[in-house]
Amino acid sequence: MITLLYFARLRESFGLASEQAELPAQVTDVGSLTEWLRQRGGVWQEELAPGKPVRVAVNQDMADLATIVRDKDEIAFFPPVTGG
């Protein structure tokens, strides 16, 4: 079981701030997790589309598509932060 957290526009689009999920065997890294979430369709497919600016952190450390995900991890999805 992992914890998924969604921030800013993603929380609004998905209609939830967090959820618990049991990972299927084929989900082993951030890339396959993102693809698995995209398969929900609709806004999930749109917001997590390749090339769409979304950052990911695993256990509060910035991650990339190759970052391994494991049981009990906390994975956060959020748009890039811009300052000014």
C-alpha atoms as a PDB file:
ATOM      1  CA  MET A   1       0.000   0.000   0.000  1.00  0.00           C
ATOM      2  CA  ILE A   2       1.316   3.446  -0.940  1.00  0.00           C
ATOM      3  CA  THR A   3       0.065   6.933  -0.175  1.00  0.00           C
ATOM      4  CA  LEU A   4      -0.510   9.253  -3.114  1.00  0.00           C
ATOM      5  CA  LEU A   5      -0.709  13.004  -2.510  1.00  0.00           C
ATOM      6  CA  TYR A   6      -1.979  15.571  -5.021  1.00  0.00           C
ATOM      7  CA  PHE A   7      -1.344  19.304  -4.768  1.00  0.00           C
ATOM      8  CA  ALA A   8      -2.602  22.543  -6.374  1.00  0.00           C
ATOM      9  CA  ARG A   9      -4.315  22.105  -9.761  1.00  0.00           C
ATOM     10  CA  LEU A  10      -3.960  18.327  -9.583  1.00  0.00           C
ATOM     11  CA  ARG A  11      -5.915  18.171  -6.326  1.00  0.00           C
ATOM     12  CA  GLU A  12      -8.624  20.309  -7.923  1.00  0.00           C
ATOM     13  CA  SER A  13      -8.723  18.312 -11.160  1.00  0.00           C
ATOM     14  CA  PHE A  14      -8.745  14.897  -9.496  1.00  0.00           C
ATOM     15  CA  GLY A  15     -11.135  15.967  -6.728  1.00  0.00           C
ATOM     16  CA  LEU A  16      -8.975  14.519  -3.967  1.00  0.00           C
ATOM     17  CA  ALA A  17      -5.926  15.480  -1.954  1.00  0.00           C
ATOM     18  CA  SER A  18      -4.717  11.976  -1.168  1.00  0.00           C
ATOM     19  CA  GLU A  19      -5.486   8.296  -1.496  1.00  0.00           C
ATOM     20  CA  GLN A  20      -4.129   4.916  -0.541  1.00  0.00           C
ATOM     21  CA  ALA A  21      -3.378   2.501  -3.378  1.00  0.00           C
ATOM     22  CA  GLU A  22      -2.288  -1.083  -3.692  1.00  0.00           C
ATOM     23  CA  LEU A  23       0.264  -1.245  -6.497  1.00  0.00           C
ATOM     24  CA  PRO A  24      -0.042  -3.875  -9.210  1.00  0.00           C
ATOM     25  CA  ALA A  25       3.116  -5.941  -9.803  1.00  0.00           C
ATOM     26  CA  GLN A  26       4.037  -4.057 -13.005  1.00  0.00           C
ATOM     27  CA  VAL A  27       4.320  -0.726 -11.149  1.00  0.00           C
ATOM     28  CA  THR A  28       7.923  -0.506  -9.974  1.00  0.00           C
ATOM     29  CA  ASP A  29       8.945   3.111 -10.590  1.00  0.00           C
ATOM     30  CA  VAL A  30       7.512   6.606 -10.967  1.00  0.00           C
ATOM     31  CA  GLY A  31       7.162   6.182 -14.738  1.00  0.00           C
ATOM     32  CA  SER A  32       5.063   3.020 -14.489  1.00  0.00           C
ATOM     33  CA  LEU A  33       3.070   4.518 -11.593  1.00  0.00           C
ATOM     34  CA  THR A  34       2.260   7.578 -13.696  1.00  0.00           C
ATOM     35  CA  GLU A  35       1.210   5.362 -16.619  1.00  0.00           C
ATOM     36  CA  TRP A  36      -0.964   3.262 -14.292  1.00  0.00           C
ATOM     37  CA  LEU A  37      -2.707   6.421 -13.004  1.00  0.00           C
ATOM     38  CA  ARG A  38      -3.170   7.678 -16.599  1.00  0.00           C
ATOM     39  CA  GLN A  39      -5.133   4.536 -17.374  1.00  0.00           C
ATOM     40  CA  ARG A  40      -7.927   5.869 -15.161  1.00  0.00           C
ATOM     41  CA  GLY A  41      -8.730   8.062 -18.181  1.00  0.00           C
ATOM     42  CA  GLY A  42     -10.349  11.493 -18.302  1.00  0.00           C
ATOM     43  CA  VAL A  43      -8.628  14.162 -16.224  1.00  0.00           C
ATOM     44  CA  TRP A  44      -6.017  11.633 -15.062  1.00  0.00           C
ATOM     45  CA  GLN A  45      -4.906  11.059 -18.633  1.00  0.00           C
ATOM     46  CA  GLU A  46      -4.940  14.804 -19.367  1.00  0.00           C
ATOM     47  CA  GLU A  47      -3.130  16.033 -16.239  1.00  0.00           C
ATOM     48  CA  LEU A  48      -0.476  13.295 -16.263  1.00  0.00           C
ATOM     49  CA  ALA A  49       0.076  13.316 -20.037  1.00  0.00           C
ATOM     50  CA  PRO A  50       3.664  13.088 -21.267  1.00  0.00           C
ATOM     51  CA  GLY A  51       5.084  16.582 -21.612  1.00  0.00           C
ATOM     52  CA  LYS A  52       2.619  18.111 -19.132  1.00  0.00           C
ATOM     53  CA  PRO A  53       4.561  19.885 -16.362  1.00  0.00           C
ATOM     54  CA  VAL A  54       4.177  17.710 -13.258  1.00  0.00           C
ATOM     55  CA  ARG A  55       6.789  17.151 -10.567  1.00  0.00           C
ATOM     56  CA  VAL A  56       6.976  14.067  -8.362  1.00  0.00           C
ATOM     57  CA  ALA A  57       8.493  13.463  -4.942  1.00  0.00           C
ATOM     58  CA  VAL A  58       8.963  10.060  -3.315  1.00  0.00           C
ATOM     59  CA  ASN A  59       9.168  10.222   0.465  1.00  0.00           C
ATOM     60  CA  GLN A  60       9.681  13.999   0.179  1.00  0.00           C
ATOM     61  CA  ASP A  61      12.688  13.667  -2.156  1.00  0.00           C
ATOM     62  CA  MET A  62      12.413  14.928  -5.725  1.00  0.00           C
ATOM     63  CA  ALA A  63      12.067  12.019  -8.119  1.00  0.00           C
ATOM     64  CA  ASP A  64      12.264  11.265 -11.815  1.00  0.00           C
ATOM     65  CA  LEU A  65      10.570   8.601 -13.936  1.00  0.00           C
ATOM     66  CA  ALA A  66      13.215   5.997 -13.017  1.00  0.00           C
ATOM     67  CA  THR A  67      12.848   6.446  -9.238  1.00  0.00           C
ATOM     68  CA  ILE A  68      11.807   3.152  -7.651  1.00  0.00           C
ATOM     69  CA  VAL A  69       8.520   3.029  -5.717  1.00  0.00           C
ATOM     70  CA  ARG A  70       7.983   0.551  -2.912  1.00  0.00           C
ATOM     71  CA  ASP A  71       5.279  -0.502  -0.511  1.00  0.00           C
ATOM     72  CA  LYS A  72       4.650   2.144   2.192  1.00  0.00           C
ATOM     73  CA  ASP A  73       6.127   4.978   0.079  1.00  0.00           C
ATOM     74  CA  GLU A  74       4.532   8.422  -0.010  1.00  0.00           C
ATOM     75  CA  ILE A  75       4.403   9.788  -3.545  1.00  0.00           C
ATOM     76  CA  ALA A  76       3.417  13.400  -4.166  1.00  0.00           C
ATOM     77  CA  PHE A  77       2.393  14.856  -7.535  1.00  0.00           C
ATOM     78  CA  PHE A  78       2.410  18.631  -7.976  1.00  0.00           C
ATOM     79  CA  PRO A  79       2.832  21.266 -10.673  1.00  0.00           C
ATOM     80  CA  PRO A  80       6.193  23.006 -10.918  1.00  0.00           C
ATOM     81  CA  VAL A  81       6.445  25.981  -8.591  1.00  0.00           C
ATOM     82  CA  THR A  82       7.272  29.305 -10.163  1.00  0.00           C
ATOM     83  CA  GLY A  83       8.418  32.274  -8.193  1.00  0.00           C
ATOM     84  CA  GLY A  84       8.611  35.928  -8.850  1.00  0.00           C
END
